[in-house]
């Protein structure tokens, strides 16, 4: 039989999805894959119920319905102060996963280099490999997850085509400061590099930290490709609605890539989401208040239990240091924890290029009852781990 493609030889199953499956197998509370266990906002659900009986069941414009693109442009202007053209600067995609893939395929040729901060959302490395690009990994140094500007410039000297920036960061919860973003912007301009920005968690930034839209920095819009999703902001991870905001010359190519990847996002969902995109500021304040309460509840519980962690500045993930338990294989540890403790987490090694085995990632996008039960189960983690004596098979 003919050989299969070798471009995926280095791929493994998504560790996030694997841990969801293992959590289900052992009836563990799934704090691995980041989706809520509560409903989207009621006005959005009410509008979805109406859309079912309207004429939105056939193909929409490939790169997004006119109504959705206009609503996205209006929302973008409201939060960034930038006026963008919904016909020239936006592509609606099937989630931010496709947005990232389309962005990479739009700007990278085979053999081009791409800078990726480590730890990173697991798709970024795969995106680079699928496009034939060569990743250059730059460490974000725990526990603060900051980068060394000199190490970053060394990467720029290697002639990359693009840098991928996740802000707020998944998995670390880091929110990059203005000074850090200026360093990245100055280097991108000096070395003529695109910046592909994942801003999925733009509305989940905890005080006193502030989210700064990278494309609003002086001179950056023309070299910034913003990839975003509506999944986290409106609690609709299953709708798979995302989008790209970029200069026209990039969008013109991204439209073609998107067309041949997926043709278009689901037309009824595009119509329904317009309602949410028109929400006023009170919705985003309430969303942040809700997630701030969840964060405080969960990390407060981790602190009482005595686990070591880095407090998230944004997003809804927390990296917990489990080195005290003598973890040598964090995948085995997470599988053991799901089975013996009843809580699912993601092994940190799936996010790091470096050989890091002592972090696990939890998420707290759950109801208070779910989080409290998870914390109750985690009370047993230390005595059970000590009893296991590092043998987590």
Protein backbone atom coordinates (compact mmCIF):
# COMPACT_ATOMS: atom_id res chain seq x y z
CA UNK A 1 0.00 0.00 0.00
CA UNK A 2 1.18 3.61 -0.60
CA UNK A 3 2.81 5.37 2.33
CA UNK A 4 0.83 7.96 4.24
CA UNK A 5 1.83 11.59 4.57
CA UNK A 6 4.81 12.12 6.86
CA UNK A 7 3.88 15.66 7.89
CA UNK A 8 2.02 14.33 10.93
CA UNK A 9 4.70 11.90 12.06
CA UNK A 10 5.53 14.05 15.08
CA UNK A 11 1.88 14.56 16.06
CA UNK A 12 0.22 12.87 18.98
CA UNK A 13 -3.41 12.90 19.98
CA UNK A 14 -4.44 16.22 21.49
CA UNK A 15 -3.59 15.80 25.17
CA UNK A 16 -6.48 18.10 26.08
CA UNK A 17 -9.01 15.91 24.29
CA UNK A 18 -7.33 12.76 25.60
CA UNK A 19 -7.70 13.94 29.19
CA UNK A 20 -11.35 14.73 28.56
CA UNK A 21 -11.86 11.14 27.41
CA UNK A 22 -9.99 9.77 30.44
CA UNK A 23 -12.00 12.02 32.76
CA UNK A 24 -15.22 10.61 31.33
CA UNK A 25 -13.90 7.06 31.64
CA UNK A 26 -13.22 7.49 35.36
CA UNK A 27 -16.16 9.78 36.16
CA UNK A 28 -13.67 12.50 37.08
CA UNK A 29 -14.52 16.19 37.13
CA UNK A 30 -13.14 17.44 33.83
CA UNK A 31 -10.99 20.50 34.51
CA UNK A 32 -8.85 19.72 31.47
CA UNK A 33 -10.74 20.80 28.33
CA UNK A 34 -11.81 24.42 28.74
CA UNK A 35 -15.54 24.53 28.23
CA UNK A 36 -18.27 25.73 30.62
CA UNK A 37 -20.93 23.60 32.28
CA UNK A 38 -23.41 26.48 32.20
CA UNK A 39 -25.61 27.92 29.45
CA UNK A 40 -24.88 30.79 27.06
CA UNK A 41 -26.68 34.10 27.71
CA UNK A 42 -30.48 33.77 27.40
CA UNK A 43 -30.95 36.49 24.75
CA UNK A 44 -28.58 34.55 22.50
CA UNK A 45 -30.48 31.30 23.05
CA UNK A 46 -33.79 33.06 22.40
CA UNK A 47 -32.46 34.44 19.13
CA UNK A 48 -31.17 31.00 18.12
CA UNK A 49 -34.64 29.56 18.66
CA UNK A 50 -36.05 32.18 16.29
CA UNK A 51 -33.37 31.67 13.64
CA UNK A 52 -34.31 28.01 13.29
CA UNK A 53 -37.57 29.09 11.61
CA UNK A 54 -36.02 31.79 9.41
CA UNK A 55 -34.32 31.51 6.06
CA UNK A 56 -30.73 30.95 7.20
CA UNK A 57 -30.19 27.31 6.31
CA UNK A 58 -28.17 27.58 3.09
CA UNK A 59 -24.64 28.77 2.33
CA UNK A 60 -23.78 32.25 3.45
CA UNK A 61 -21.09 34.40 1.87
CA UNK A 62 -18.00 32.25 2.19
CA UNK A 63 -16.02 34.64 4.37
CA UNK A 64 -18.98 35.44 6.64
CA UNK A 65 -22.49 36.85 6.46
CA UNK A 66 -22.76 40.58 5.88
CA UNK A 67 -24.62 41.04 9.15
CA UNK A 68 -22.08 39.16 11.25
CA UNK A 69 -19.10 40.89 9.67
CA UNK A 70 -20.67 44.30 10.26
CA UNK A 71 -21.43 43.40 13.88
CA UNK A 72 -17.83 42.22 14.34
CA UNK A 73 -16.51 45.44 12.83
CA UNK A 74 -18.69 47.49 15.17
CA UNK A 75 -17.59 45.49 18.22
CA UNK A 76 -13.95 45.80 17.15
CA UNK A 77 -14.30 49.59 16.84
CA UNK A 78 -15.99 49.82 20.24
CA UNK A 79 -13.23 47.97 22.10
CA UNK A 80 -10.15 49.03 20.14
CA UNK A 81 -11.03 52.44 18.69
CA UNK A 82 -10.09 51.16 15.22
CA UNK A 83 -12.46 51.46 12.30
CA UNK A 84 -12.16 48.45 10.01
CA UNK A 85 -13.93 47.57 6.79
CA UNK A 86 -16.17 44.50 7.22
CA UNK A 87 -15.63 43.56 3.56
CA UNK A 88 -11.86 44.03 3.48
CA UNK A 89 -10.57 43.32 7.00
CA UNK A 90 -12.62 40.38 8.36
CA UNK A 91 -12.92 36.66 7.60
CA UNK A 92 -15.39 34.57 9.61
CA UNK A 93 -13.98 31.09 10.29
CA UNK A 94 -14.96 27.81 11.91
CA UNK A 95 -13.54 28.71 15.29
CA UNK A 96 -10.22 30.32 16.10
CA UNK A 97 -8.58 26.96 15.37
CA UNK A 98 -9.30 27.47 11.68
CA UNK A 99 -8.48 31.17 11.98
CA UNK A 100 -4.97 30.30 13.17
CA UNK A 101 -4.50 27.70 10.44
CA UNK A 102 -5.74 30.09 7.75
CA UNK A 103 -3.47 32.85 9.09
CA UNK A 104 -0.43 30.58 9.01
CA UNK A 105 -1.20 29.32 5.52
CA UNK A 106 -1.75 32.88 4.30
CA UNK A 107 1.65 34.20 5.33
CA UNK A 108 4.02 31.23 5.55
CA UNK A 109 5.79 29.29 2.84
CA UNK A 110 7.44 25.94 3.39
CA UNK A 111 10.68 26.45 5.25
CA UNK A 112 9.71 29.81 6.77
CA UNK A 113 10.44 30.20 10.47
CA UNK A 114 7.82 31.10 13.07
CA UNK A 115 8.50 32.24 16.65
CA UNK A 116 6.31 30.55 19.28
CA UNK A 117 6.44 31.31 23.00
CA UNK A 118 6.65 28.22 25.24
CA UNK A 119 4.42 27.18 26.98
CA UNK A 120 1.94 27.46 24.12
CA UNK A 121 -1.52 26.26 23.16
CA UNK A 122 -0.84 22.87 21.61
CA UNK A 123 -2.25 23.74 18.16
CA UNK A 124 0.42 26.33 17.40
CA UNK A 125 3.24 23.86 16.88
CA UNK A 126 0.98 21.67 14.76
CA UNK A 127 -0.11 24.66 12.68
CA UNK A 128 3.52 25.45 11.91
CA UNK A 129 4.30 21.87 10.91
CA UNK A 130 1.19 21.53 8.72
CA UNK A 131 2.16 24.67 6.81
CA UNK A 132 5.75 23.47 6.40
CA UNK A 133 7.07 26.20 8.70
CA UNK A 134 9.87 25.72 11.22
CA UNK A 135 9.03 26.70 14.82
CA UNK A 136 11.50 28.71 16.91
CA UNK A 137 10.48 28.25 20.55
CA UNK A 138 11.18 31.03 23.06
CA UNK A 139 10.70 30.22 26.75
CA UNK A 140 8.28 32.07 28.97
CA UNK A 141 10.07 31.49 32.25
CA UNK A 142 8.00 30.08 35.16
CA UNK A 143 6.60 30.97 37.56
CA UNK A 144 6.00 34.49 36.19
CA UNK A 145 6.05 33.39 32.54
CA UNK A 146 8.02 36.38 31.31
CA UNK A 147 10.47 36.36 28.40
CA UNK A 148 14.06 37.52 28.06
CA UNK A 149 14.18 40.30 25.41
CA UNK A 150 17.69 39.31 24.38
CA UNK A 151 16.67 35.69 23.78
CA UNK A 152 13.67 36.93 21.80
CA UNK A 153 15.85 39.17 19.60
CA UNK A 154 18.17 36.24 18.94
CA UNK A 155 15.13 34.47 17.49
CA UNK A 156 14.28 37.47 15.31
CA UNK A 157 17.84 37.46 13.98
CA UNK A 158 17.10 34.03 12.49
CA UNK A 159 14.81 35.66 9.93
CA UNK A 160 11.33 34.46 10.92
CA UNK A 161 8.26 35.22 8.82
CA UNK A 162 5.92 35.51 11.82
CA UNK A 163 5.57 35.41 15.59
CA UNK A 164 2.57 33.86 17.35
CA UNK A 165 1.38 35.71 20.43
CA UNK A 166 -1.39 34.43 22.71
CA UNK A 167 -2.61 37.25 24.93
CA UNK A 168 -4.10 36.57 27.46
CA UNK A 169 -2.10 33.39 27.38
CA UNK A 170 -3.34 29.84 27.34
CA UNK A 171 -2.08 27.89 29.30
CA UNK A 172 -0.21 30.22 31.66
CA UNK A 173 -2.86 32.89 32.23
CA UNK A 174 -0.25 35.57 31.53
CA UNK A 175 -1.34 39.04 30.35
CA UNK A 176 1.50 40.79 28.56
CA UNK A 177 2.36 44.31 29.67
CA UNK A 178 2.62 47.36 27.44
CA UNK A 179 6.41 47.29 27.81
CA UNK A 180 6.55 43.66 26.68
CA UNK A 181 4.23 44.29 23.74
CA UNK A 182 6.33 47.28 22.67
CA UNK A 183 9.43 45.08 22.68
CA UNK A 184 7.67 42.59 20.41
CA UNK A 185 6.32 45.39 18.19
CA UNK A 186 9.71 47.07 17.83
CA UNK A 187 11.36 43.77 16.91
CA UNK A 188 8.58 42.91 14.44
CA UNK A 189 9.04 46.24 12.71
CA UNK A 190 12.84 46.14 12.76
CA UNK A 191 13.01 42.62 11.33
CA UNK A 192 9.89 42.92 9.13
CA UNK A 193 7.84 40.12 10.71
CA UNK A 194 4.11 39.39 10.90
CA UNK A 195 2.54 39.00 14.35
CA UNK A 196 -0.29 36.47 14.55
CA UNK A 197 -2.22 37.30 17.72
CA UNK A 198 -4.62 34.95 19.50
CA UNK A 199 -6.92 37.18 21.56
CA UNK A 200 -9.63 34.65 22.40
CA UNK A 201 -9.62 35.65 26.08
CA UNK A 202 -9.70 39.41 25.47
CA UNK A 203 -12.60 39.95 27.89
CA UNK A 204 -11.22 37.76 30.70
CA UNK A 205 -8.48 39.92 32.22
CA UNK A 206 -8.41 40.26 35.99
CA UNK A 207 -7.73 43.50 37.83
CA UNK A 208 -5.33 45.24 38.01
CA UNK A 209 -4.16 43.82 34.67
CA UNK A 210 -5.28 45.35 31.38
CA UNK A 211 -5.67 43.86 27.94
CA UNK A 212 -3.91 45.79 25.17
CA UNK A 213 -4.92 44.96 21.61
CA UNK A 214 -1.66 44.37 19.78
CA UNK A 215 -2.99 45.65 16.47
CA UNK A 216 -3.64 49.08 18.05
CA UNK A 217 0.04 49.71 18.78
CA UNK A 218 1.62 52.35 16.53
CA UNK A 219 2.33 50.94 13.07
CA UNK A 220 1.22 47.42 13.99
CA UNK A 221 -2.14 47.01 12.24
CA UNK A 222 -0.49 46.46 8.87
CA UNK A 223 1.56 43.54 10.15
CA UNK A 224 -0.90 42.08 12.70
CA UNK A 225 -3.25 39.16 12.02
CA UNK A 226 -5.69 38.91 14.90
CA UNK A 227 -7.35 35.52 15.40
CA UNK A 228 -10.33 35.44 17.69
CA UNK A 229 -13.23 33.26 18.75
CA UNK A 230 -16.68 33.79 20.20
CA UNK A 231 -16.55 30.50 22.10
CA UNK A 232 -15.25 31.75 25.43
CA UNK A 233 -16.85 35.20 25.49
CA UNK A 234 -20.37 33.83 24.97
CA UNK A 235 -19.96 30.29 26.39
CA UNK A 236 -20.59 28.62 23.01
CA UNK A 237 -17.52 26.45 22.45
CA UNK A 238 -19.58 24.01 20.37
CA UNK A 239 -20.72 26.66 17.88
CA UNK A 240 -17.23 26.90 16.36
CA UNK A 241 -17.40 30.56 15.35
CA UNK A 242 -14.17 32.49 14.98
CA UNK A 243 -12.73 35.24 12.83
CA UNK A 244 -9.64 36.96 11.51
CA UNK A 245 -9.03 40.71 11.55
CA UNK A 246 -6.14 41.78 9.34
CA UNK A 247 -5.06 44.25 6.64
CA UNK A 248 -6.72 43.80 3.26
CA UNK A 249 -3.75 42.16 1.54
CA UNK A 250 -3.72 39.42 4.18
CA UNK A 251 -7.51 39.03 4.27
CA UNK A 252 -7.62 38.64 0.48
CA UNK A 253 -5.42 35.56 0.81
CA UNK A 254 -7.09 34.30 4.00
CA UNK A 255 -10.47 34.35 2.23
CA UNK A 256 -9.13 31.95 -0.38
CA UNK A 257 -7.52 29.66 2.17
CA UNK A 258 -10.70 29.62 4.28
CA UNK A 259 -12.86 28.90 1.23
CA UNK A 260 -10.94 25.74 0.41
CA UNK A 261 -10.54 24.65 4.04
CA UNK A 262 -14.17 24.80 5.20
CA UNK A 263 -16.19 26.88 2.69
CA UNK A 264 -17.92 28.72 5.51
CA UNK A 265 -19.16 28.71 9.09
CA UNK A 266 -22.70 27.59 9.94
CA UNK A 267 -25.18 30.14 8.54
CA UNK A 268 -27.85 29.88 11.29
CA UNK A 269 -25.25 30.38 13.99
CA UNK A 270 -23.80 33.41 12.20
CA UNK A 271 -27.23 35.00 12.21
CA UNK A 272 -27.89 34.18 15.86
CA UNK A 273 -24.55 35.46 17.15
CA UNK A 274 -25.27 38.97 15.89
CA UNK A 275 -27.47 39.42 18.96
CA UNK A 276 -24.54 38.72 21.28
CA UNK A 277 -22.15 40.91 19.30
CA UNK A 278 -24.57 43.79 19.95
CA UNK A 279 -24.53 43.34 23.75
CA UNK A 280 -23.64 46.52 25.64
CA UNK A 281 -20.76 46.93 28.07
CA UNK A 282 -22.79 45.61 31.00
CA UNK A 283 -22.58 42.09 29.57
CA UNK A 284 -18.76 42.12 29.48
CA UNK A 285 -18.56 43.57 32.99
CA UNK A 286 -20.85 40.86 34.31
CA UNK A 287 -18.86 38.19 32.45
CA UNK A 288 -15.63 39.39 34.04
CA UNK A 289 -17.27 39.58 37.48
CA UNK A 290 -18.49 35.99 37.13
CA UNK A 291 -15.08 34.69 36.10
CA UNK A 292 -13.31 36.71 38.78
CA UNK A 293 -15.51 34.97 41.36
CA UNK A 294 -14.70 31.58 39.83
CA UNK A 295 -10.99 32.34 39.82
CA UNK A 296 -11.00 33.51 43.42
CA UNK A 297 -13.02 30.48 44.52
CA UNK A 298 -10.76 27.99 42.78
CA UNK A 299 -7.34 29.44 43.56
CA UNK A 300 -8.51 30.15 47.10
CA UNK A 301 -9.24 26.45 47.42
CA UNK A 302 -5.88 25.51 45.91
CA UNK A 303 -4.21 27.81 48.41
CA UNK A 304 -6.04 26.23 51.35
CA UNK A 305 -5.03 22.78 50.16
CA UNK A 306 -1.45 24.00 49.99
CA UNK A 307 -0.80 23.45 46.29
CA UNK A 308 1.71 25.67 44.52
CA UNK A 309 0.40 27.60 41.50
CA UNK A 310 0.81 30.73 39.40
CA UNK A 311 -2.19 33.01 39.83
CA UNK A 312 -3.71 33.72 36.40
CA UNK A 313 -3.83 37.31 35.19
CA UNK A 314 -6.28 36.44 32.41
CA UNK A 315 -8.13 33.56 30.69
CA UNK A 316 -9.50 30.77 32.90
CA UNK A 317 -6.59 28.42 33.45
CA UNK A 318 -4.21 27.90 36.33
CA UNK A 319 -0.84 26.14 36.18
CA UNK A 320 -0.18 24.05 39.29
CA UNK A 321 3.33 22.92 40.23
CA UNK A 322 3.24 19.25 41.32
CA UNK A 323 7.00 18.78 41.70
CA UNK A 324 6.57 18.09 45.43
CA UNK A 325 5.07 14.71 44.49
CA UNK A 326 8.16 13.58 42.62
CA UNK A 327 6.43 13.58 39.24
CA UNK A 328 8.70 12.27 36.48
CA UNK A 329 5.95 11.57 33.94
CA UNK A 330 3.19 14.14 34.05
CA UNK A 331 0.97 12.23 31.61
CA UNK A 332 0.98 9.21 33.90
CA UNK A 333 0.39 11.53 36.85
CA UNK A 334 -2.68 13.13 35.24
CA UNK A 335 -4.10 9.75 34.28
CA UNK A 336 -3.53 8.57 37.87
CA UNK A 337 -5.14 11.74 39.26
CA UNK A 338 -8.25 11.29 37.12
CA UNK A 339 -8.54 7.68 38.27
CA UNK A 340 -7.55 7.98 41.94
CA UNK A 341 -8.48 11.57 42.86
CA UNK A 342 -11.37 12.08 40.45
CA UNK A 343 -10.21 15.34 38.86
CA UNK A 344 -9.02 15.74 35.27
CA UNK A 345 -6.15 18.07 34.34
CA UNK A 346 -3.85 18.53 31.35
CA UNK A 347 -0.17 17.48 31.66
CA UNK A 348 1.98 20.59 31.40
CA UNK A 349 4.44 18.87 29.07
CA UNK A 350 1.89 19.13 26.25
CA UNK A 351 2.34 22.92 26.32
CA UNK A 352 6.12 23.17 26.75
CA UNK A 353 8.84 22.69 24.15
CA UNK A 354 11.26 22.25 27.04
CA UNK A 355 11.30 19.01 29.05
CA UNK A 356 8.89 20.14 31.76
CA UNK A 357 7.12 17.40 33.74
CA UNK A 358 6.04 19.14 36.93
CA UNK A 359 3.09 21.30 35.86
CA UNK A 360 -0.57 20.46 35.32
CA UNK A 361 -3.21 22.83 33.97
CA UNK A 362 -6.68 23.13 35.48
CA UNK A 363 -9.47 25.34 34.18
CA UNK A 364 -12.18 26.98 36.26
CA UNK A 365 -14.92 27.69 33.69
CA UNK A 366 -17.40 25.72 35.78
CA UNK A 367 -20.28 26.32 38.15
CA UNK A 368 -19.39 26.95 41.78
CA UNK A 369 -20.82 23.56 42.80
CA UNK A 370 -18.55 21.82 40.28
CA UNK A 371 -15.48 23.76 41.43
CA UNK A 372 -16.22 23.10 45.10
CA UNK A 373 -16.59 19.39 44.44
CA UNK A 374 -13.32 19.38 42.50
CA UNK A 375 -11.60 21.10 45.42
CA UNK A 376 -13.11 18.58 47.84
CA UNK A 377 -11.59 15.78 45.77
CA UNK A 378 -8.25 17.56 45.49
CA UNK A 379 -8.03 17.54 49.31
CA UNK A 380 -7.03 13.89 48.93
CA UNK A 381 -4.34 14.59 46.31
CA UNK A 382 -1.40 15.04 48.68
CA UNK A 383 -1.98 11.98 50.92
CA UNK A 384 -2.72 9.76 47.91
CA UNK A 385 0.30 11.07 46.01
CA UNK A 386 2.57 10.54 49.01
CA UNK A 387 1.24 7.01 49.36
CA UNK A 388 1.92 6.38 45.65
CA UNK A 389 5.61 7.29 46.24
CA UNK A 390 6.02 8.69 42.75
CA UNK A 391 4.58 5.58 41.09
CA UNK A 392 1.67 7.04 39.16
CA UNK A 393 1.14 4.25 36.65
